[in-house]
Amino acid sequence: MTWTGQGEGLHYDLAGGLVSELLSNHSALNATCVPGGNDLVNASFVDTRTGPPRGDAYYYLVRSQSSFCGSGTYGYASSGAEYLPASACP
């Protein structure tokens, strides 16, 4: 997967979970740092996990970070609530 990079010198963290959990509680409370998705240098990622359970899918949340400004947000729900994963990337 790829996303639009936010500029030179930034790194990215990737959190996510199962779409079924996202739909059941309408939040990213069950999201966790995706294995290998911490401190990515490029705006792309290859998820090497086995596929999700049949009939489900993975969702992903990306945030940027820099040594000057710290970490950004994983985004906001349509309700305006910030996505706060249970276990964000360190």
PDB file of N, CA and C in Angstrom:
ATOM      1  N   MET A   1       0.835  -1.168   0.000  1.00  0.00           N
ATOM      2  CA  MET A   1       0.000   0.000   0.000  1.00  0.00           C
ATOM      3  C   MET A   1       0.880   1.232   0.000  1.00  0.00           C
ATOM      4  N   THR A   2       0.368   2.320  -0.508  1.00  0.00           N
ATOM      5  CA  THR A   2       1.107   3.585  -0.524  1.00  0.00           C
ATOM      6  C   THR A   2       0.173   4.715  -0.099  1.00  0.00           C
ATOM      7  N   TRP A   3       0.768   5.810   0.330  1.00  0.00           N
ATOM      8  CA  TRP A   3       0.018   7.003   0.672  1.00  0.00           C
ATOM      9  C   TRP A   3       0.852   8.196   0.263  1.00  0.00           C
ATOM     10  N   THR A   4       0.268   9.363   0.281  1.00  0.00           N
ATOM     11  CA  THR A   4       0.975  10.574  -0.113  1.00  0.00           C
ATOM     12  C   THR A   4       1.935  10.982   0.991  1.00  0.00           C
ATOM     13  N   GLY A   5       3.219  11.027   0.668  1.00  0.00           N
ATOM     14  CA  GLY A   5       4.219  11.440   1.636  1.00  0.00           C
ATOM     15  C   GLY A   5       4.014  12.895   2.040  1.00  0.00           C
ATOM     16  N   GLN A   6       4.433  13.245   3.237  1.00  0.00           N
ATOM     17  CA  GLN A   6       4.216  14.587   3.773  1.00  0.00           C
ATOM     18  C   GLN A   6       5.467  15.454   3.749  1.00  0.00           C
ATOM     19  N   GLY A   7       6.506  14.987   3.102  1.00  0.00           N
ATOM     20  CA  GLY A   7       7.711  15.799   2.978  1.00  0.00           C
ATOM     21  C   GLY A   7       8.958  15.056   3.399  1.00  0.00           C
ATOM     22  N   GLU A   8      10.065  15.604   3.004  1.00  0.00           N
ATOM     23  CA  GLU A   8      11.364  14.996   3.281  1.00  0.00           C
ATOM     24  C   GLU A   8      11.666  15.011   4.771  1.00  0.00           C
ATOM     25  N   GLY A   9      12.285  13.941   5.248  1.00  0.00           N
ATOM     26  CA  GLY A   9      12.696  13.853   6.636  1.00  0.00           C
ATOM     27  C   GLY A   9      11.641  13.297   7.582  1.00  0.00           C
ATOM     28  N   LEU A  10      10.443  13.027   7.076  1.00  0.00           N
ATOM     29  CA  LEU A  10       9.402  12.466   7.931  1.00  0.00           C
ATOM     30  C   LEU A  10       9.418  10.946   7.876  1.00  0.00           C
ATOM     31  N   HIS A  11       8.998  10.342   8.958  1.00  0.00           N
ATOM     32  CA  HIS A  11       8.823   8.898   9.037  1.00  0.00           C
ATOM     33  C   HIS A  11       7.349   8.649   9.329  1.00  0.00           C
ATOM     34  N   TYR A  12       6.930   7.385   9.227  1.00  0.00           N
ATOM     35  CA  TYR A  12       5.512   7.062   9.376  1.00  0.00           C
ATOM     36  C   TYR A  12       5.308   5.865  10.295  1.00  0.00           C
ATOM     37  N   ASP A  13       4.206   5.888  11.007  1.00  0.00           N
ATOM     38  CA  ASP A  13       3.767   4.761  11.834  1.00  0.00           C
ATOM     39  C   ASP A  13       2.436   4.280  11.283  1.00  0.00           C
ATOM     40  N   LEU A  14       2.245   2.983  11.341  1.00  0.00           N
ATOM     41  CA  LEU A  14       1.050   2.365  10.781  1.00  0.00           C
ATOM     42  C   LEU A  14       0.366   1.528  11.852  1.00  0.00           C
ATOM     43  N   ALA A  15      -0.868   1.872  12.175  1.00  0.00           N
ATOM     44  CA  ALA A  15      -1.678   1.096  13.115  1.00  0.00           C
ATOM     45  C   ALA A  15      -2.889   0.586  12.351  1.00  0.00           C
ATOM     46  N   GLY A  16      -3.558  -0.390  12.911  1.00  0.00           N
ATOM     47  CA  GLY A  16      -4.755  -0.892  12.244  1.00  0.00           C
ATOM     48  C   GLY A  16      -5.364  -2.059  12.985  1.00  0.00           C
ATOM     49  N   GLY A  17      -6.338  -2.661  12.343  1.00  0.00           N
ATOM     50  CA  GLY A  17      -7.044  -3.778  12.941  1.00  0.00           C
ATOM     51  C   GLY A  17      -7.991  -4.392  11.937  1.00  0.00           C
ATOM     52  N   LEU A  18      -8.969  -5.117  12.442  1.00  0.00           N
ATOM     53  CA  LEU A  18      -9.961  -5.765  11.589  1.00  0.00           C
ATOM     54  C   LEU A  18     -11.156  -4.843  11.355  1.00  0.00           C
ATOM     55  N   VAL A  19     -11.639  -4.821  10.129  1.00  0.00           N
ATOM     56  CA  VAL A  19     -12.791  -3.994   9.779  1.00  0.00           C
ATOM     57  C   VAL A  19     -14.009  -4.384  10.622  1.00  0.00           C
ATOM     58  N   SER A  20     -14.174  -5.667  10.906  1.00  0.00           N
ATOM     59  CA  SER A  20     -15.321  -6.094  11.723  1.00  0.00           C
ATOM     60  C   SER A  20     -15.314  -5.431  13.092  1.00  0.00           C
ATOM     61  N   GLU A  21     -14.128  -5.238  13.698  1.00  0.00           N
ATOM     62  CA  GLU A  21     -14.035  -4.567  14.993  1.00  0.00           C
ATOM     63  C   GLU A  21     -14.301  -3.067  14.847  1.00  0.00           C
ATOM     64  N   LEU A  22     -13.809  -2.486  13.775  1.00  0.00           N
ATOM     65  CA  LEU A  22     -14.038  -1.069  13.511  1.00  0.00           C
ATOM     66  C   LEU A  22     -15.535  -0.799  13.361  1.00  0.00           C
ATOM     67  N   LEU A  23     -16.232  -1.672  12.649  1.00  0.00           N
ATOM     68  CA  LEU A  23     -17.666  -1.504  12.447  1.00  0.00           C
ATOM     69  C   LEU A  23     -18.470  -1.758  13.714  1.00  0.00           C
ATOM     70  N   SER A  24     -18.011  -2.691  14.545  1.00  0.00           N
ATOM     71  CA  SER A  24     -18.789  -3.039  15.743  1.00  0.00           C
ATOM     72  C   SER A  24     -18.751  -1.956  16.811  1.00  0.00           C
ATOM     73  N   ASN A  25     -17.627  -1.261  16.953  1.00  0.00           N
ATOM     74  CA  ASN A  25     -17.572  -0.231  17.997  1.00  0.00           C
ATOM     75  C   ASN A  25     -17.405   1.184  17.439  1.00  0.00           C
ATOM     76  N   HIS A  26     -17.385   1.322  16.113  1.00  0.00           N
ATOM     77  CA  HIS A  26     -17.312   2.631  15.449  1.00  0.00           C
ATOM     78  C   HIS A  26     -16.123   3.463  15.922  1.00  0.00           C
ATOM     79  N   SER A  27     -15.040   2.791  16.247  1.00  0.00           N
ATOM     80  CA  SER A  27     -13.834   3.500  16.656  1.00  0.00           C
ATOM     81  C   SER A  27     -12.622   2.621  16.393  1.00  0.00           C
ATOM     82  N   ALA A  28     -11.474   3.203  16.566  1.00  0.00           N
ATOM     83  CA  ALA A  28     -10.220   2.479  16.372  1.00  0.00           C
ATOM     84  C   ALA A  28      -9.630   2.034  17.707  1.00  0.00           C
ATOM     85  N   LEU A  29     -10.480   1.859  18.706  1.00  0.00           N
ATOM     86  CA  LEU A  29      -9.999   1.490  20.042  1.00  0.00           C
ATOM     87  C   LEU A  29      -9.248   0.172  20.051  1.00  0.00           C
ATOM     88  N   ASN A  30      -9.558  -0.738  19.137  1.00  0.00           N
ATOM     89  CA  ASN A  30      -8.879  -2.029  19.100  1.00  0.00           C
ATOM     90  C   ASN A  30      -7.663  -2.035  18.176  1.00  0.00           C
ATOM     91  N   ALA A  31      -7.376  -0.920  17.545  1.00  0.00           N
ATOM     92  CA  ALA A  31      -6.228  -0.851  16.627  1.00  0.00           C
ATOM     93  C   ALA A  31      -4.919  -1.006  17.392  1.00  0.00           C
ATOM     94  N   THR A  32      -3.957  -1.608  16.740  1.00  0.00           N
ATOM     95  CA  THR A  32      -2.624  -1.769  17.313  1.00  0.00           C
ATOM     96  C   THR A  32      -1.584  -1.447  16.248  1.00  0.00           C
ATOM     97  N   CYS A  33      -0.363  -1.260  16.673  1.00  0.00           N
ATOM     98  CA  CYS A  33       0.731  -1.029  15.735  1.00  0.00           C
ATOM     99  C   CYS A  33       0.866  -2.269  14.847  1.00  0.00           C
ATOM    100  N   VAL A  34       0.851  -2.078  13.550  1.00  0.00           N
ATOM    101  CA  VAL A  34       0.981  -3.190  12.615  1.00  0.00           C
ATOM    102  C   VAL A  34       2.419  -3.701  12.678  1.00  0.00           C
ATOM    103  N   PRO A  35       2.636  -5.019  12.788  1.00  0.00           N
ATOM    104  CA  PRO A  35       4.006  -5.548  12.827  1.00  0.00           C
ATOM    105  C   PRO A  35       4.825  -5.052  11.633  1.00  0.00           C
ATOM    106  N   GLY A  36       5.951  -4.446  11.935  1.00  0.00           N
ATOM    107  CA  GLY A  36       6.821  -3.892  10.901  1.00  0.00           C
ATOM    108  C   GLY A  36       6.404  -2.509  10.441  1.00  0.00           C
ATOM    109  N   GLY A  37       5.351  -1.946  11.042  1.00  0.00           N
ATOM    110  CA  GLY A  37       4.824  -0.660  10.611  1.00  0.00           C
ATOM    111  C   GLY A  37       5.266   0.516  11.454  1.00  0.00           C
ATOM    112  N   ASN A  38       6.383   0.385  12.133  1.00  0.00           N
ATOM    113  CA  ASN A  38       6.879   1.445  12.997  1.00  0.00           C
ATOM    114  C   ASN A  38       8.078   2.136  12.361  1.00  0.00           C
ATOM    115  N   ASP A  39       8.073   3.456  12.368  1.00  0.00           N
ATOM    116  CA  ASP A  39       9.205   4.262  11.910  1.00  0.00           C
ATOM    117  C   ASP A  39       9.575   3.971  10.453  1.00  0.00           C
ATOM    118  N   LEU A  40       8.573   3.953   9.579  1.00  0.00           N
ATOM    119  CA  LEU A  40       8.801   3.706   8.156  1.00  0.00           C
ATOM    120  C   LEU A  40       9.400   4.950   7.505  1.00  0.00           C
ATOM    121  N   VAL A  41      10.403   4.752   6.668  1.00  0.00           N
ATOM    122  CA  VAL A  41      11.077   5.863   6.002  1.00  0.00           C
ATOM    123  C   VAL A  41      10.323   6.280   4.741  1.00  0.00           C
ATOM    124  N   ASN A  42       9.694   5.340   4.061  1.00  0.00           N
ATOM    125  CA  ASN A  42       8.976   5.616   2.817  1.00  0.00           C
ATOM    126  C   ASN A  42       7.470   5.626   3.047  1.00  0.00           C
ATOM    127  N   ALA A  43       6.745   6.253   2.142  1.00  0.00           N
ATOM    128  CA  ALA A  43       5.285   6.322   2.227  1.00  0.00           C
ATOM    129  C   ALA A  43       4.665   5.101   1.556  1.00  0.00           C
ATOM    130  N   SER A  44       5.128   3.939   1.960  1.00  0.00           N
ATOM    131  CA  SER A  44       4.598   2.686   1.424  1.00  0.00           C
ATOM    132  C   SER A  44       4.871   1.572   2.429  1.00  0.00           C
ATOM    133  N   PHE A  45       4.100   0.487   2.299  1.00  0.00           N
ATOM    134  CA  PHE A  45       4.238  -0.625   3.232  1.00  0.00           C
ATOM    135  C   PHE A  45       3.706  -1.887   2.582  1.00  0.00           C
ATOM    136  N   VAL A  46       4.400  -2.991   2.811  1.00  0.00           N
ATOM    137  CA  VAL A  46       3.936  -4.307   2.368  1.00  0.00           C
ATOM    138  C   VAL A  46       3.604  -5.108   3.621  1.00  0.00           C
ATOM    139  N   ASP A  47       2.351  -5.423   3.798  1.00  0.00           N
ATOM    140  CA  ASP A  47       1.904  -6.177   4.967  1.00  0.00           C
ATOM    141  C   ASP A  47       2.155  -7.658   4.710  1.00  0.00           C
ATOM    142  N   THR A  48       3.022  -8.254   5.510  1.00  0.00           N
ATOM    143  CA  THR A  48       3.400  -9.661   5.306  1.00  0.00           C
ATOM    144  C   THR A  48       2.618 -10.618   6.207  1.00  0.00           C
ATOM    145  N   ARG A  49       1.651 -10.095   6.948  1.00  0.00           N
ATOM    146  CA  ARG A  49       0.821 -10.975   7.780  1.00  0.00           C
ATOM    147  C   ARG A  49      -0.021 -11.880   6.885  1.00  0.00           C
ATOM    148  N   THR A  50      -0.472 -12.986   7.450  1.00  0.00           N
ATOM    149  CA  THR A  50      -1.433 -13.803   6.716  1.00  0.00           C
ATOM    150  C   THR A  50      -2.717 -12.989   6.586  1.00  0.00           C
ATOM    151  N   GLY A  51      -3.554 -13.375   5.652  1.00  0.00           N
ATOM    152  CA  GLY A  51      -4.783 -12.637   5.418  1.00  0.00           C
ATOM    153  C   GLY A  51      -5.698 -12.638   6.634  1.00  0.00           C
ATOM    154  N   PRO A  52      -6.624 -11.710   6.681  1.00  0.00           N
ATOM    155  CA  PRO A  52      -7.580 -11.662   7.794  1.00  0.00           C
ATOM    156  C   PRO A  52      -8.541 -12.839   7.695  1.00  0.00           C
ATOM    157  N   PRO A  53      -9.340 -13.075   8.721  1.00  0.00           N
ATOM    158  CA  PRO A  53     -10.329 -14.161   8.664  1.00  0.00           C
ATOM    159  C   PRO A  53     -11.260 -13.983   7.455  1.00  0.00           C
ATOM    160  N   ARG A  54     -11.737 -15.071   6.952  1.00  0.00           N
ATOM    161  CA  ARG A  54     -12.636 -15.037   5.794  1.00  0.00           C
ATOM    162  C   ARG A  54     -13.824 -14.109   6.070  1.00  0.00           C
ATOM    163  N   GLY A  55     -14.124 -13.248   5.113  1.00  0.00           N
ATOM    164  CA  GLY A  55     -15.227 -12.311   5.247  1.00  0.00           C
ATOM    165  C   GLY A  55     -14.860 -11.020   5.964  1.00  0.00           C
ATOM    166  N   ASP A  56     -13.605 -10.862   6.351  1.00  0.00           N
ATOM    167  CA  ASP A  56     -13.154  -9.662   7.055  1.00  0.00           C
ATOM    168  C   ASP A  56     -12.045  -9.001   6.238  1.00  0.00           C
ATOM    169  N   ALA A  57     -11.540  -7.893   6.692  1.00  0.00           N
ATOM    170  CA  ALA A  57     -10.449  -7.174   6.022  1.00  0.00           C
ATOM    171  C   ALA A  57      -9.677  -6.387   7.072  1.00  0.00           C
ATOM    172  N   TYR A  58      -8.463  -5.988   6.703  1.00  0.00           N
ATOM    173  CA  TYR A  58      -7.678  -5.114   7.570  1.00  0.00           C
ATOM    174  C   TYR A  58      -7.957  -3.657   7.192  1.00  0.00           C
ATOM    175  N   TYR A  59      -7.908  -2.768   8.178  1.00  0.00           N
ATOM    176  CA  TYR A  59      -7.888  -1.331   7.908  1.00  0.00           C
ATOM    177  C   TYR A  59      -6.591  -0.780   8.488  1.00  0.00           C
ATOM    178  N   TYR A  60      -6.167   0.356   7.979  1.00  0.00           N
ATOM    179  CA  TYR A  60      -4.899   0.943   8.384  1.00  0.00           C
ATOM    180  C   TYR A  60      -5.069   2.426   8.710  1.00  0.00           C
ATOM    181  N   LEU A  61      -4.312   2.894   9.684  1.00  0.00           N
ATOM    182  CA  LEU A  61      -4.234   4.301  10.057  1.00  0.00           C
ATOM    183  C   LEU A  61      -2.764   4.697   9.992  1.00  0.00           C
ATOM    184  N   VAL A  62      -2.460   5.787   9.335  1.00  0.00           N
ATOM    185  CA  VAL A  62      -1.073   6.227   9.167  1.00  0.00           C
ATOM    186  C   VAL A  62      -0.894   7.583   9.835  1.00  0.00           C
ATOM    187  N   ARG A  63       0.230   7.746  10.523  1.00  0.00           N
ATOM    188  CA  ARG A  63       0.576   9.067  11.061  1.00  0.00           C
ATOM    189  C   ARG A  63       2.024   9.361  10.708  1.00  0.00           C
ATOM    190  N   SER A  64       2.328  10.626  10.557  1.00  0.00           N
ATOM    191  CA  SER A  64       3.708  11.025  10.285  1.00  0.00           C
ATOM    192  C   SER A  64       4.382  11.428  11.591  1.00  0.00           C
ATOM    193  N   GLN A  65       5.690  11.434  11.559  1.00  0.00           N
ATOM    194  CA  GLN A  65       6.461  11.839  12.734  1.00  0.00           C
ATOM    195  C   GLN A  65       7.780  12.436  12.287  1.00  0.00           C
ATOM    196  N   SER A  66       8.320  13.307  13.086  1.00  0.00           N
ATOM    197  CA  SER A  66       9.637  13.874  12.820  1.00  0.00           C
ATOM    198  C   SER A  66      10.354  14.079  14.138  1.00  0.00           C
ATOM    199  N   SER A  67      11.657  14.182  14.050  1.00  0.00           N
ATOM    200  CA  SER A  67      12.441  14.400  15.270  1.00  0.00           C
ATOM    201  C   SER A  67      12.239  15.822  15.800  1.00  0.00           C
ATOM    202  N   PHE A  68      11.730  16.721  14.974  1.00  0.00           N
ATOM    203  CA  PHE A  68      11.522  18.115  15.390  1.00  0.00           C
ATOM    204  C   PHE A  68      10.140  18.357  15.980  1.00  0.00           C
ATOM    205  N   CYS A  69       9.129  17.737  15.381  1.00  0.00           N
ATOM    206  CA  CYS A  69       7.739  18.040  15.779  1.00  0.00           C
ATOM    207  C   CYS A  69       7.043  16.910  16.517  1.00  0.00           C
ATOM    208  N   GLY A  70       7.666  15.757  16.647  1.00  0.00           N
ATOM    209  CA  GLY A  70       7.029  14.621  17.293  1.00  0.00           C
ATOM    210  C   GLY A  70       6.084  13.896  16.354  1.00  0.00           C
ATOM    211  N   SER A  71       5.141  13.160  16.909  1.00  0.00           N
ATOM    212  CA  SER A  71       4.206  12.365  16.119  1.00  0.00           C
ATOM    213  C   SER A  71       2.912  13.128  15.872  1.00  0.00           C
ATOM    214  N   GLY A  72       2.360  12.916  14.676  1.00  0.00           N
ATOM    215  CA  GLY A  72       1.073  13.495  14.331  1.00  0.00           C
ATOM    216  C   GLY A  72      -0.053  12.613  14.837  1.00  0.00           C
ATOM    217  N   THR A  73      -1.240  12.846  14.343  1.00  0.00           N
ATOM    218  CA  THR A  73      -2.416  12.088  14.726  1.00  0.00           C
ATOM    219  C   THR A  73      -2.670  10.964  13.716  1.00  0.00           C
ATOM    220  N   TYR A  74      -3.416   9.957  14.133  1.00  0.00           N
ATOM    221  CA  TYR A  74      -3.844   8.897  13.216  1.00  0.00           C
ATOM    222  C   TYR A  74      -5.100   9.312  12.465  1.00  0.00           C
ATOM    223  N   GLY A  75      -5.632  10.490  12.732  1.00  0.00           N
ATOM    224  CA  GLY A  75      -6.802  10.983  12.025  1.00  0.00           C
ATOM    225  C   GLY A  75      -8.021  11.082  12.925  1.00  0.00           C
ATOM    226  N   TYR A  76      -9.156  11.412  12.283  1.00  0.00           N
ATOM    227  CA  TYR A  76     -10.397  11.656  13.017  1.00  0.00           C
ATOM    228  C   TYR A  76     -11.563  10.931  12.363  1.00  0.00           C
ATOM    229  N   ALA A  77     -12.477  10.465  13.162  1.00  0.00           N
ATOM    230  CA  ALA A  77     -13.704   9.840  12.676  1.00  0.00           C
ATOM    231  C   ALA A  77     -14.628  10.925  12.143  1.00  0.00           C
ATOM    232  N   SER A  78     -15.646  10.536  11.397  1.00  0.00           N
ATOM    233  CA  SER A  78     -16.600  11.517  10.870  1.00  0.00           C
ATOM    234  C   SER A  78     -17.317  12.265  11.998  1.00  0.00           C
ATOM    235  N   SER A  79     -17.349  11.681  13.190  1.00  0.00           N
ATOM    236  CA  SER A  79     -17.958  12.354  14.348  1.00  0.00           C
ATOM    237  C   SER A  79     -17.060  13.446  14.907  1.00  0.00           C
ATOM    238  N   GLY A  80     -15.798  13.484  14.454  1.00  0.00           N
ATOM    239  CA  GLY A  80     -14.838  14.456  14.957  1.00  0.00           C
ATOM    240  C   GLY A  80     -13.938  13.917  16.053  1.00  0.00           C
ATOM    241  N   ALA A  81     -14.227  12.682  16.510  1.00  0.00           N
ATOM    242  CA  ALA A  81     -13.393  12.073  17.558  1.00  0.00           C
ATOM    243  C   ALA A  81     -12.067  11.613  16.973  1.00  0.00           C
ATOM    244  N   GLU A  82     -10.994  11.874  17.683  1.00  0.00           N
ATOM    245  CA  GLU A  82      -9.674  11.456  17.219  1.00  0.00           C
ATOM    246  C   GLU A  82      -9.533   9.935  17.328  1.00  0.00           C
ATOM    247  N   TYR A  83      -8.926   9.313  16.323  1.00  0.00           N
ATOM    248  CA  TYR A  83      -8.630   7.889  16.388  1.00  0.00           C
ATOM    249  C   TYR A  83      -7.470   7.694  17.359  1.00  0.00           C
ATOM    250  N   LEU A  84      -7.715   6.959  18.434  1.00  0.00           N
ATOM    251  CA  LEU A  84      -6.705   6.678  19.449  1.00  0.00           C
ATOM    252  C   LEU A  84      -6.581   5.167  19.603  1.00  0.00           C
ATOM    253  N   PRO A  85      -5.648   4.560  18.875  1.00  0.00           N
ATOM    254  CA  PRO A  85      -5.467   3.109  18.954  1.00  0.00           C
ATOM    255  C   PRO A  85      -5.134   2.634  20.365  1.00  0.00           C
ATOM    256  N   ALA A  86      -5.547   1.409  20.669  1.00  0.00           N
ATOM    257  CA  ALA A  86      -5.250   0.801  21.961  1.00  0.00           C
ATOM    258  C   ALA A  86      -3.754   0.680  22.171  1.00  0.00           C
ATOM    259  N   SER A  87      -3.047   0.395  21.099  1.00  0.00           N
ATOM    260  CA  SER A  87      -1.609   0.207  21.170  1.00  0.00           C
ATOM    261  C   SER A  87      -0.981   0.865  19.956  1.00  0.00           C
ATOM    262  N   ALA A  88      -0.770   2.176  20.043  1.00  0.00           N
ATOM    263  CA  ALA A  88      -0.140   2.917  18.950  1.00  0.00           C
ATOM    264  C   ALA A  88       1.326   2.520  18.843  1.00  0.00           C
ATOM    265  N   CYS A  89       1.922   2.829  17.714  1.00  0.00           N
ATOM    266  CA  CYS A  89       3.344   2.543  17.544  1.00  0.00           C
ATOM    267  C   CYS A  89       4.142   3.432  18.482  1.00  0.00           C
ATOM    268  N   PRO A  90       5.194   2.872  19.070  1.00  0.00           N
ATOM    269  CA  PRO A  90       5.996   3.666  20.014  1.00  0.00           C
ATOM    270  C   PRO A  90       6.741   4.792  19.329  1.00  0.00           C
TER     271      PRO A  90
END
